[in-house]
């Protein structure tokens, strides 16, 4: 059923034009259909002209096939180029919207805090100043994290994203992160169950980035699980791979949006409704890091019920 929907969406130029936010006459798929019609007319014209001037039907057939192939190749190259341009334009618009939104809040907080600290009209105690220094620090860190994510995405896209491979224990990484997130888990009133096989083999990967992968998945599970919810984490060995699973009872992902979940800058509507912080880059980076490490990630989700993310990584070779 899902494959059928993908095929229907791919053959629907109106839906694709809406995705790229361009008019029909600027939409690559619609132009491809128009060019297909032009090619059909050209084929018929060549055939009828050929039958009048050339007597050998084999030559006519070869001529029609040759011209058809050439025109199809030209149309494919043109529409592919236009599609890349349209996609780049869409991503640029999304980038501007999301970055503007993500920077507006911390910049507003920074401005307000600085105004308060530099104001001579407001009496300032040491305690109140300390509070505003914390706000300055937190919002500066928030902007720094956004810039780091943007740089990471850029390096991945340009192929300049080296990974420092070493032997890594995912069990140790998970234990450390659960300890780090313990205050947030308690504050959110969430129950976490972590199960792992004993004596798990290590994987070969970049320790810092694999930690970032697990941290992102855990952070998302906490953010999107309402108070009183639960998170279940499993870490097991399956054949020659390490299998990781994290399941939450959070808001879930709408079915119609699930195919976009690993795209850059994408955030689902219910995530925006919950007003959780995020740039829409985390899961894109997670997927790329795992793929570059020889792994694979997938998920299943139901809106209002929760989401489960899975990934596998190859075990370190002896």
C-alpha atoms as a PDB file:
ATOM      1  CA  UNK A   1       0.000   0.000   0.000  1.00  0.00           C
ATOM      2  CA  UNK A   2       2.839   2.356   0.903  1.00  0.00           C
ATOM      3  CA  UNK A   3       4.617   1.595  -2.398  1.00  0.00           C
ATOM      4  CA  UNK A   4       1.377   2.282  -4.278  1.00  0.00           C
ATOM      5  CA  UNK A   5       1.023   5.668  -2.570  1.00  0.00           C
ATOM      6  CA  UNK A   6       4.635   6.560  -3.431  1.00  0.00           C
ATOM      7  CA  UNK A   7       4.003   5.707  -7.109  1.00  0.00           C
ATOM      8  CA  UNK A   8       0.775   7.752  -7.139  1.00  0.00           C
ATOM      9  CA  UNK A   9       2.550  10.727  -5.557  1.00  0.00           C
ATOM     10  CA  UNK A  10       5.406  10.461  -8.057  1.00  0.00           C
ATOM     11  CA  UNK A  11       2.898  10.536 -10.940  1.00  0.00           C
ATOM     12  CA  UNK A  12       0.954  13.474  -9.509  1.00  0.00           C
ATOM     13  CA  UNK A  13       2.576  16.675 -10.848  1.00  0.00           C
ATOM     14  CA  UNK A  14       0.264  18.936  -8.832  1.00  0.00           C
ATOM     15  CA  UNK A  15       1.385  17.389  -5.513  1.00  0.00           C
ATOM     16  CA  UNK A  16       5.047  17.649  -6.512  1.00  0.00           C
ATOM     17  CA  UNK A  17       4.585  21.296  -7.555  1.00  0.00           C
ATOM     18  CA  UNK A  18       3.130  22.005  -4.131  1.00  0.00           C
ATOM     19  CA  UNK A  19       6.129  20.299  -2.528  1.00  0.00           C
ATOM     20  CA  UNK A  20       8.536  22.549  -4.445  1.00  0.00           C
ATOM     21  CA  UNK A  21       6.222  25.570  -3.971  1.00  0.00           C
ATOM     22  CA  UNK A  22       6.402  26.546  -7.637  1.00  0.00           C
ATOM     23  CA  UNK A  23       3.833  27.080 -10.387  1.00  0.00           C
ATOM     24  CA  UNK A  24       2.954  24.317 -12.864  1.00  0.00           C
ATOM     25  CA  UNK A  25       5.078  25.870 -15.596  1.00  0.00           C
ATOM     26  CA  UNK A  26       8.109  25.863 -13.300  1.00  0.00           C
ATOM     27  CA  UNK A  27       7.533  22.331 -12.004  1.00  0.00           C
ATOM     28  CA  UNK A  28       9.980  19.687 -13.367  1.00  0.00           C
ATOM     29  CA  UNK A  29       7.441  16.823 -13.435  1.00  0.00           C
ATOM     30  CA  UNK A  30       4.821  18.882 -15.249  1.00  0.00           C
ATOM     31  CA  UNK A  31       7.394  20.048 -17.785  1.00  0.00           C
ATOM     32  CA  UNK A  32       8.437  16.413 -18.249  1.00  0.00           C
ATOM     33  CA  UNK A  33       4.827  15.538 -19.148  1.00  0.00           C
ATOM     34  CA  UNK A  34       4.701  18.417 -21.623  1.00  0.00           C
ATOM     35  CA  UNK A  35       7.985  17.321 -23.165  1.00  0.00           C
ATOM     36  CA  UNK A  36       6.628  13.772 -23.359  1.00  0.00           C
ATOM     37  CA  UNK A  37       3.691  15.071 -25.376  1.00  0.00           C
ATOM     38  CA  UNK A  38       6.083  17.003 -27.645  1.00  0.00           C
ATOM     39  CA  UNK A  39       8.183  13.847 -28.117  1.00  0.00           C
ATOM     40  CA  UNK A  40       5.076  11.852 -29.039  1.00  0.00           C
ATOM     41  CA  UNK A  41       4.131  14.447 -31.665  1.00  0.00           C
ATOM     42  CA  UNK A  42       7.720  14.439 -32.980  1.00  0.00           C
ATOM     43  CA  UNK A  43       7.720  10.625 -33.234  1.00  0.00           C
ATOM     44  CA  UNK A  44       4.488  10.620 -35.219  1.00  0.00           C
ATOM     45  CA  UNK A  45       5.778  13.387 -37.492  1.00  0.00           C
ATOM     46  CA  UNK A  46       9.031  11.522 -38.148  1.00  0.00           C
ATOM     47  CA  UNK A  47       7.125   8.316 -38.832  1.00  0.00           C
ATOM     48  CA  UNK A  48       4.701   9.824 -41.349  1.00  0.00           C
ATOM     49  CA  UNK A  49       7.432  11.836 -43.109  1.00  0.00           C
ATOM     50  CA  UNK A  50       9.638   8.739 -43.182  1.00  0.00           C
ATOM     51  CA  UNK A  51       6.973   6.556 -44.767  1.00  0.00           C
ATOM     52  CA  UNK A  52       6.600   9.109 -47.560  1.00  0.00           C
ATOM     53  CA  UNK A  53      10.336   9.423 -48.308  1.00  0.00           C
ATOM     54  CA  UNK A  54      11.857   6.107 -47.169  1.00  0.00           C
ATOM     55  CA  UNK A  55      10.624   2.769 -48.439  1.00  0.00           C
ATOM     56  CA  UNK A  56      12.521   0.444 -46.104  1.00  0.00           C
ATOM     57  CA  UNK A  57      10.440   0.010 -42.884  1.00  0.00           C
ATOM     58  CA  UNK A  58      13.518  -1.113 -40.918  1.00  0.00           C
ATOM     59  CA  UNK A  59      15.282   2.192 -41.559  1.00  0.00           C
ATOM     60  CA  UNK A  60      12.122   4.068 -40.561  1.00  0.00           C
ATOM     61  CA  UNK A  61      11.888   2.091 -37.301  1.00  0.00           C
ATOM     62  CA  UNK A  62      15.545   2.690 -36.469  1.00  0.00           C
ATOM     63  CA  UNK A  63      15.156   6.394 -37.262  1.00  0.00           C
ATOM     64  CA  UNK A  64      12.095   6.706 -35.002  1.00  0.00           C
ATOM     65  CA  UNK A  65      13.797   4.776 -32.175  1.00  0.00           C
ATOM     66  CA  UNK A  66      16.966   6.865 -32.464  1.00  0.00           C
ATOM     67  CA  UNK A  67      15.145  10.204 -32.419  1.00  0.00           C
ATOM     68  CA  UNK A  68      12.892   9.011 -29.556  1.00  0.00           C
ATOM     69  CA  UNK A  69      15.882   7.953 -27.464  1.00  0.00           C
ATOM     70  CA  UNK A  70      17.684  11.231 -28.113  1.00  0.00           C
ATOM     71  CA  UNK A  71      14.642  13.353 -27.214  1.00  0.00           C
ATOM     72  CA  UNK A  72      13.961  11.310 -24.068  1.00  0.00           C
ATOM     73  CA  UNK A  73      17.582  11.717 -22.972  1.00  0.00           C
ATOM     74  CA  UNK A  74      17.481  15.478 -23.548  1.00  0.00           C
ATOM     75  CA  UNK A  75      14.174  15.830 -21.689  1.00  0.00           C
ATOM     76  CA  UNK A  76      15.458  13.730 -18.779  1.00  0.00           C
ATOM     77  CA  UNK A  77      18.619  15.820 -18.437  1.00  0.00           C
ATOM     78  CA  UNK A  78      16.649  19.088 -18.590  1.00  0.00           C
ATOM     79  CA  UNK A  79      13.962  18.029 -16.100  1.00  0.00           C
ATOM     80  CA  UNK A  80      16.556  16.523 -13.720  1.00  0.00           C
ATOM     81  CA  UNK A  81      18.439  19.822 -13.734  1.00  0.00           C
ATOM     82  CA  UNK A  82      15.232  21.741 -13.133  1.00  0.00           C
ATOM     83  CA  UNK A  83      14.281  19.361 -10.320  1.00  0.00           C
ATOM     84  CA  UNK A  84      17.622  19.936  -8.592  1.00  0.00           C
ATOM     85  CA  UNK A  85      17.155  23.690  -8.942  1.00  0.00           C
ATOM     86  CA  UNK A  86      13.588  23.517  -7.609  1.00  0.00           C
ATOM     87  CA  UNK A  87      14.688  21.323  -4.713  1.00  0.00           C
ATOM     88  CA  UNK A  88      17.561  23.692  -3.921  1.00  0.00           C
ATOM     89  CA  UNK A  89      15.133  26.623  -3.984  1.00  0.00           C
ATOM     90  CA  UNK A  90      12.742  24.822  -1.643  1.00  0.00           C
ATOM     91  CA  UNK A  91      15.543  23.882   0.758  1.00  0.00           C
ATOM     92  CA  UNK A  92      16.815  27.458   0.741  1.00  0.00           C
ATOM     93  CA  UNK A  93      13.356  28.744   1.671  1.00  0.00           C
ATOM     94  CA  UNK A  94      13.007  26.144   4.441  1.00  0.00           C
ATOM     95  CA  UNK A  95      16.504  26.942   5.666  1.00  0.00           C
ATOM     96  CA  UNK A  96      15.732  30.660   5.939  1.00  0.00           C
ATOM     97  CA  UNK A  97      12.399  30.029   7.679  1.00  0.00           C
ATOM     98  CA  UNK A  98      13.756  27.547  10.209  1.00  0.00           C
ATOM     99  CA  UNK A  99      16.991  29.361  10.977  1.00  0.00           C
ATOM    100  CA  UNK A 100      15.083  32.635  11.380  1.00  0.00           C
ATOM    101  CA  UNK A 101      12.625  30.932  13.729  1.00  0.00           C
ATOM    102  CA  UNK A 102      15.360  29.167  15.717  1.00  0.00           C
ATOM    103  CA  UNK A 103      17.469  32.308  16.093  1.00  0.00           C
ATOM    104  CA  UNK A 104      14.614  34.675  16.910  1.00  0.00           C
ATOM    105  CA  UNK A 105      13.886  33.268  20.386  1.00  0.00           C
ATOM    106  CA  UNK A 106      17.489  33.146  21.709  1.00  0.00           C
ATOM    107  CA  UNK A 107      18.275  36.559  20.211  1.00  0.00           C
ATOM    108  CA  UNK A 108      15.188  38.009  21.891  1.00  0.00           C
ATOM    109  CA  UNK A 109      16.246  36.474  25.209  1.00  0.00           C
ATOM    110  CA  UNK A 110      19.790  37.762  24.788  1.00  0.00           C
ATOM    111  CA  UNK A 111      18.550  41.253  23.980  1.00  0.00           C
ATOM    112  CA  UNK A 112      16.176  41.309  26.946  1.00  0.00           C
ATOM    113  CA  UNK A 113      18.841  40.039  29.366  1.00  0.00           C
ATOM    114  CA  UNK A 114      21.444  42.528  28.132  1.00  0.00           C
ATOM    115  CA  UNK A 115      18.938  45.388  28.395  1.00  0.00           C
ATOM    116  CA  UNK A 116      18.222  44.390  31.981  1.00  0.00           C
ATOM    117  CA  UNK A 117      21.895  44.038  32.950  1.00  0.00           C
ATOM    118  CA  UNK A 118      22.909  47.348  31.368  1.00  0.00           C
ATOM    119  CA  UNK A 119      19.902  49.309  32.587  1.00  0.00           C
ATOM    120  CA  UNK A 120      20.626  51.917  35.248  1.00  0.00           C
ATOM    121  CA  UNK A 121      16.964  52.442  36.112  1.00  0.00           C
ATOM    122  CA  UNK A 122      16.372  48.927  37.483  1.00  0.00           C
ATOM    123  CA  UNK A 123      17.955  48.008  40.848  1.00  0.00           C
ATOM    124  CA  UNK A 124      19.997  44.830  40.338  1.00  0.00           C
ATOM    125  CA  UNK A 125      20.798  42.333  43.057  1.00  0.00           C
ATOM    126  CA  UNK A 126      23.563  39.765  42.682  1.00  0.00           C
ATOM    127  CA  UNK A 127      20.995  36.935  42.553  1.00  0.00           C
ATOM    128  CA  UNK A 128      18.954  38.530  39.762  1.00  0.00           C
ATOM    129  CA  UNK A 129      22.101  39.238  37.740  1.00  0.00           C
ATOM    130  CA  UNK A 130      23.193  35.605  38.111  1.00  0.00           C
ATOM    131  CA  UNK A 131      19.838  34.473  36.722  1.00  0.00           C
ATOM    132  CA  UNK A 132      20.241  36.612  33.616  1.00  0.00           C
ATOM    133  CA  UNK A 133      23.825  35.427  33.110  1.00  0.00           C
ATOM    134  CA  UNK A 134      22.460  31.872  32.987  1.00  0.00           C
ATOM    135  CA  UNK A 135      19.939  32.962  30.326  1.00  0.00           C
ATOM    136  CA  UNK A 136      22.753  34.530  28.295  1.00  0.00           C
ATOM    137  CA  UNK A 137      24.819  31.344  28.532  1.00  0.00           C
ATOM    138  CA  UNK A 138      21.936  29.013  27.612  1.00  0.00           C
ATOM    139  CA  UNK A 139      20.847  31.017  24.581  1.00  0.00           C
ATOM    140  CA  UNK A 140      24.409  31.487  23.349  1.00  0.00           C
ATOM    141  CA  UNK A 141      24.837  27.696  23.568  1.00  0.00           C
ATOM    142  CA  UNK A 142      21.566  27.210  21.686  1.00  0.00           C
ATOM    143  CA  UNK A 143      22.743  29.357  18.788  1.00  0.00           C
ATOM    144  CA  UNK A 144      26.125  27.650  18.839  1.00  0.00           C
ATOM    145  CA  UNK A 145      24.453  24.217  18.581  1.00  0.00           C
ATOM    146  CA  UNK A 146      22.408  25.373  15.582  1.00  0.00           C
ATOM    147  CA  UNK A 147      25.522  26.654  13.800  1.00  0.00           C
ATOM    148  CA  UNK A 148      27.369  23.387  14.561  1.00  0.00           C
ATOM    149  CA  UNK A 149      24.497  21.373  13.078  1.00  0.00           C
ATOM    150  CA  UNK A 150      24.457  23.524   9.949  1.00  0.00           C
ATOM    151  CA  UNK A 151      28.198  23.065   9.494  1.00  0.00           C
ATOM    152  CA  UNK A 152      27.847  19.294   9.982  1.00  0.00           C
ATOM    153  CA  UNK A 153      25.115  19.065   7.340  1.00  0.00           C
ATOM    154  CA  UNK A 154      27.266  21.102   4.959  1.00  0.00           C
ATOM    155  CA  UNK A 155      30.282  18.812   5.499  1.00  0.00           C
ATOM    156  CA  UNK A 156      28.154  15.703   4.940  1.00  0.00           C
ATOM    157  CA  UNK A 157      26.689  17.139   1.734  1.00  0.00           C
ATOM    158  CA  UNK A 158      30.142  18.011   0.349  1.00  0.00           C
ATOM    159  CA  UNK A 159      31.732  14.702   1.398  1.00  0.00           C
ATOM    160  CA  UNK A 160      34.091  16.409   3.874  1.00  0.00           C
ATOM    161  CA  UNK A 161      32.917  14.579   6.967  1.00  0.00           C
ATOM    162  CA  UNK A 162      35.719  12.315   8.229  1.00  0.00           C
ATOM    163  CA  UNK A 163      34.959   9.816  10.994  1.00  0.00           C
ATOM    164  CA  UNK A 164      37.646   8.841  13.493  1.00  0.00           C
ATOM    165  CA  UNK A 165      37.157   5.079  13.752  1.00  0.00           C
ATOM    166  CA  UNK A 166      37.884   3.286  17.027  1.00  0.00           C
ATOM    167  CA  UNK A 167      36.443   0.441  19.119  1.00  0.00           C
ATOM    168  CA  UNK A 168      33.271   1.672  20.819  1.00  0.00           C
ATOM    169  CA  UNK A 169      30.994   0.043  23.411  1.00  0.00           C
ATOM    170  CA  UNK A 170      27.427   1.182  22.752  1.00  0.00           C
ATOM    171  CA  UNK A 171      26.419  -0.189  26.162  1.00  0.00           C
ATOM    172  CA  UNK A 172      28.863   2.137  27.910  1.00  0.00           C
ATOM    173  CA  UNK A 173      27.694   5.085  25.802  1.00  0.00           C
ATOM    174  CA  UNK A 174      24.062   4.334  26.690  1.00  0.00           C
ATOM    175  CA  UNK A 175      24.834   4.028  30.424  1.00  0.00           C
ATOM    176  CA  UNK A 176      26.661   7.369  30.360  1.00  0.00           C
ATOM    177  CA  UNK A 177      23.865   9.145  28.528  1.00  0.00           C
ATOM    178  CA  UNK A 178      21.170   7.792  30.860  1.00  0.00           C
ATOM    179  CA  UNK A 179      23.179   9.138  33.778  1.00  0.00           C
ATOM    180  CA  UNK A 180      23.573  12.502  32.009  1.00  0.00           C
ATOM    181  CA  UNK A 181      19.835  12.740  31.223  1.00  0.00           C
ATOM    182  CA  UNK A 182      18.695  11.473  34.634  1.00  0.00           C
ATOM    183  CA  UNK A 183      17.620  14.945  35.900  1.00  0.00           C
ATOM    184  CA  UNK A 184      15.603  15.617  32.737  1.00  0.00           C
ATOM    185  CA  UNK A 185      13.997  12.166  32.864  1.00  0.00           C
ATOM    186  CA  UNK A 186      12.987  12.694  36.494  1.00  0.00           C
ATOM    187  CA  UNK A 187      11.715  16.218  35.825  1.00  0.00           C
ATOM    188  CA  UNK A 188       9.599  14.914  32.920  1.00  0.00           C
ATOM    189  CA  UNK A 189       8.179  12.119  35.120  1.00  0.00           C
ATOM    190  CA  UNK A 190       9.161   9.499  32.528  1.00  0.00           C
ATOM    191  CA  UNK A 191       9.933   5.865  33.271  1.00  0.00           C
ATOM    192  CA  UNK A 192      12.948   4.469  31.389  1.00  0.00           C
ATOM    193  CA  UNK A 193      13.632   0.752  30.980  1.00  0.00           C
ATOM    194  CA  UNK A 194      17.048  -0.163  29.546  1.00  0.00           C
ATOM    195  CA  UNK A 195      17.799  -3.770  28.624  1.00  0.00           C
ATOM    196  CA  UNK A 196      21.080  -4.938  27.137  1.00  0.00           C
ATOM    197  CA  UNK A 197      22.696  -8.265  26.424  1.00  0.00           C
ATOM    198  CA  UNK A 198      25.680  -9.093  28.642  1.00  0.00           C
ATOM    199  CA  UNK A 199      29.169  -8.964  27.112  1.00  0.00           C
ATOM    200  CA  UNK A 200      28.096  -7.114  23.986  1.00  0.00           C
ATOM    201  CA  UNK A 201      30.805  -6.891  21.303  1.00  0.00           C
ATOM    202  CA  UNK A 202      32.116  -3.470  20.370  1.00  0.00           C
ATOM    203  CA  UNK A 203      31.529  -1.660  17.103  1.00  0.00           C
ATOM    204  CA  UNK A 204      34.084   0.241  15.054  1.00  0.00           C
ATOM    205  CA  UNK A 205      33.086   3.882  14.679  1.00  0.00           C
ATOM    206  CA  UNK A 206      33.556   7.460  15.758  1.00  0.00           C
ATOM    207  CA  UNK A 207      32.865   7.519  19.515  1.00  0.00           C
ATOM    208  CA  UNK A 208      31.789  11.170  19.645  1.00  0.00           C
ATOM    209  CA  UNK A 209      29.401  10.894  16.705  1.00  0.00           C
ATOM    210  CA  UNK A 210      27.905   7.573  17.807  1.00  0.00           C
ATOM    211  CA  UNK A 211      27.293   9.155  21.208  1.00  0.00           C
ATOM    212  CA  UNK A 212      25.635  12.066  19.390  1.00  0.00           C
ATOM    213  CA  UNK A 213      23.416   9.615  17.486  1.00  0.00           C
ATOM    214  CA  UNK A 214      22.151   7.914  20.661  1.00  0.00           C
ATOM    215  CA  UNK A 215      21.849  11.230  22.497  1.00  0.00           C
ATOM    216  CA  UNK A 216      19.688  12.672  19.719  1.00  0.00           C
ATOM    217  CA  UNK A 217      17.343   9.670  19.737  1.00  0.00           C
ATOM    218  CA  UNK A 218      17.095   9.709  23.544  1.00  0.00           C
ATOM    219  CA  UNK A 219      16.577  13.478  23.659  1.00  0.00           C
ATOM    220  CA  UNK A 220      13.763  13.232  21.080  1.00  0.00           C
ATOM    221  CA  UNK A 221      12.095  10.421  23.018  1.00  0.00           C
ATOM    222  CA  UNK A 222      12.138  12.528  26.195  1.00  0.00           C
ATOM    223  CA  UNK A 223      10.981  15.742  24.493  1.00  0.00           C
ATOM    224  CA  UNK A 224       8.016  14.171  22.728  1.00  0.00           C
ATOM    225  CA  UNK A 225       6.849  11.935  25.589  1.00  0.00           C
ATOM    226  CA  UNK A 226       4.395  13.624  27.909  1.00  0.00           C
ATOM    227  CA  UNK A 227       4.665  13.356  31.683  1.00  0.00           C
ATOM    228  CA  UNK A 228       3.846   9.904  32.996  1.00  0.00           C
ATOM    229  CA  UNK A 229       4.999   8.233  29.776  1.00  0.00           C
ATOM    230  CA  UNK A 230       7.590   5.523  29.289  1.00  0.00           C
ATOM    231  CA  UNK A 231      10.710   4.886  27.208  1.00  0.00           C
ATOM    232  CA  UNK A 232      12.011   1.374  26.529  1.00  0.00           C
ATOM    233  CA  UNK A 233      15.570   0.879  25.230  1.00  0.00           C
ATOM    234  CA  UNK A 234      17.067  -2.379  23.995  1.00  0.00           C
ATOM    235  CA  UNK A 235      20.636  -3.134  22.996  1.00  0.00           C
ATOM    236  CA  UNK A 236      21.284  -6.618  21.631  1.00  0.00           C
ATOM    237  CA  UNK A 237      23.509  -8.677  19.357  1.00  0.00           C
ATOM    238  CA  UNK A 238      21.900 -10.043  16.216  1.00  0.00           C
ATOM    239  CA  UNK A 239      24.177 -12.172  14.081  1.00  0.00           C
ATOM    240  CA  UNK A 240      27.114  -9.946  13.148  1.00  0.00           C
ATOM    241  CA  UNK A 241      25.411  -6.687  14.107  1.00  0.00           C
ATOM    242  CA  UNK A 242      24.543  -4.680  17.208  1.00  0.00           C
ATOM    243  CA  UNK A 243      20.834  -3.921  17.312  1.00  0.00           C
ATOM    244  CA  UNK A 244      19.533  -0.770  19.064  1.00  0.00           C
ATOM    245  CA  UNK A 245      15.886   0.037  19.741  1.00  0.00           C
ATOM    246  CA  UNK A 246      14.296   2.984  21.536  1.00  0.00           C
ATOM    247  CA  UNK A 247      10.528   3.104  21.978  1.00  0.00           C
ATOM    248  CA  UNK A 248       8.515   5.955  23.470  1.00  0.00           C
ATOM    249  CA  UNK A 249       4.867   6.632  24.256  1.00  0.00           C
ATOM    250  CA  UNK A 250       5.003  10.149  22.868  1.00  0.00           C
ATOM    251  CA  UNK A 251       3.013  12.145  20.334  1.00  0.00           C
ATOM    252  CA  UNK A 252       4.031   9.985  17.359  1.00  0.00           C
ATOM    253  CA  UNK A 253       4.540  11.082  13.753  1.00  0.00           C
ATOM    254  CA  UNK A 254       1.604  11.660  11.366  1.00  0.00           C
ATOM    255  CA  UNK A 255       1.507   8.936   8.697  1.00  0.00           C
ATOM    256  CA  UNK A 256       1.515  11.397   5.791  1.00  0.00           C
ATOM    257  CA  UNK A 257       4.697  13.037   7.106  1.00  0.00           C
ATOM    258  CA  UNK A 258       6.711   9.937   7.955  1.00  0.00           C
ATOM    259  CA  UNK A 259       8.466   9.766   4.572  1.00  0.00           C
ATOM    260  CA  UNK A 260      10.061  13.179   5.236  1.00  0.00           C
ATOM    261  CA  UNK A 261      11.384  12.372   8.723  1.00  0.00           C
ATOM    262  CA  UNK A 262      15.074  12.126   7.721  1.00  0.00           C
ATOM    263  CA  UNK A 263      15.036  15.141   5.402  1.00  0.00           C
ATOM    264  CA  UNK A 264      16.962  18.274   6.294  1.00  0.00           C
ATOM    265  CA  UNK A 265      15.001  20.944   8.195  1.00  0.00           C
ATOM    266  CA  UNK A 266      11.877  18.791   8.444  1.00  0.00           C
ATOM    267  CA  UNK A 267       9.739  19.020  11.576  1.00  0.00           C
ATOM    268  CA  UNK A 268       6.326  17.385  11.824  1.00  0.00           C
ATOM    269  CA  UNK A 269       3.239  19.471  12.514  1.00  0.00           C
ATOM    270  CA  UNK A 270       2.562  17.903  15.907  1.00  0.00           C
ATOM    271  CA  UNK A 271       6.177  18.548  16.940  1.00  0.00           C
ATOM    272  CA  UNK A 272       5.692  22.217  16.123  1.00  0.00           C
ATOM    273  CA  UNK A 273       2.382  22.126  17.992  1.00  0.00           C
ATOM    274  CA  UNK A 274       4.165  20.836  21.098  1.00  0.00           C
ATOM    275  CA  UNK A 275       6.523  23.856  20.742  1.00  0.00           C
ATOM    276  CA  UNK A 276       9.627  21.766  21.354  1.00  0.00           C
ATOM    277  CA  UNK A 277      12.968  23.193  20.348  1.00  0.00           C
ATOM    278  CA  UNK A 278      14.682  21.753  17.298  1.00  0.00           C
ATOM    279  CA  UNK A 279      16.174  22.655  13.947  1.00  0.00           C
ATOM    280  CA  UNK A 280      14.975  19.669  11.913  1.00  0.00           C
ATOM    281  CA  UNK A 281      18.606  18.617  11.354  1.00  0.00           C
ATOM    282  CA  UNK A 282      19.137  16.048  14.120  1.00  0.00           C
ATOM    283  CA  UNK A 283      17.615  12.960  12.489  1.00  0.00           C
ATOM    284  CA  UNK A 284      19.187  13.824   9.131  1.00  0.00           C
ATOM    285  CA  UNK A 285      22.614  13.868  10.796  1.00  0.00           C
ATOM    286  CA  UNK A 286      21.822  10.652  12.723  1.00  0.00           C
ATOM    287  CA  UNK A 287      20.959   8.807   9.511  1.00  0.00           C
ATOM    288  CA  UNK A 288      24.067  10.015   7.671  1.00  0.00           C
ATOM    289  CA  UNK A 289      26.434   9.169  10.549  1.00  0.00           C
ATOM    290  CA  UNK A 290      25.010   5.645  10.825  1.00  0.00           C
ATOM    291  CA  UNK A 291      25.208   5.083   7.070  1.00  0.00           C
ATOM    292  CA  UNK A 292      28.806   6.315   6.966  1.00  0.00           C
ATOM    293  CA  UNK A 293      29.536   3.895   9.830  1.00  0.00           C
ATOM    294  CA  UNK A 294      28.113   0.960   7.846  1.00  0.00           C
ATOM    295  CA  UNK A 295      24.802   0.942   9.717  1.00  0.00           C
ATOM    296  CA  UNK A 296      21.123   1.338   8.955  1.00  0.00           C
ATOM    297  CA  UNK A 297      18.261   3.174  10.680  1.00  0.00           C
ATOM    298  CA  UNK A 298      14.489   2.827  10.388  1.00  0.00           C
ATOM    299  CA  UNK A 299      11.400   3.512  12.489  1.00  0.00           C
ATOM    300  CA  UNK A 300       7.714   2.905  12.981  1.00  0.00           C
ATOM    301  CA  UNK A 301       5.286   5.375  14.456  1.00  0.00           C
ATOM    302  CA  UNK A 302       1.621   5.995  15.101  1.00  0.00           C
ATOM    303  CA  UNK A 303       0.301   9.449  15.861  1.00  0.00           C
ATOM    304  CA  UNK A 304      -0.891   9.737  19.442  1.00  0.00           C
ATOM    305  CA  UNK A 305       0.655   6.387  20.419  1.00  0.00           C
ATOM    306  CA  UNK A 306       4.397   6.756  20.094  1.00  0.00           C
ATOM    307  CA  UNK A 307       7.476   6.112  17.974  1.00  0.00           C
ATOM    308  CA  UNK A 308      10.129   3.415  17.858  1.00  0.00           C
ATOM    309  CA  UNK A 309      13.518   4.000  16.234  1.00  0.00           C
ATOM    310  CA  UNK A 310      15.821   1.125  15.351  1.00  0.00           C
ATOM    311  CA  UNK A 311      19.370   1.011  14.074  1.00  0.00           C
ATOM    312  CA  UNK A 312      22.035  -1.608  13.469  1.00  0.00           C
ATOM    313  CA  UNK A 313      25.819  -1.338  13.292  1.00  0.00           C
ATOM    314  CA  UNK A 314      28.303  -4.000  12.214  1.00  0.00           C
ATOM    315  CA  UNK A 315      30.308  -5.646  15.002  1.00  0.00           C
ATOM    316  CA  UNK A 316      34.019  -4.870  15.089  1.00  0.00           C
ATOM    317  CA  UNK A 317      36.044  -7.369  13.086  1.00  0.00           C
ATOM    318  CA  UNK A 318      38.420  -9.454  15.144  1.00  0.00           C
END
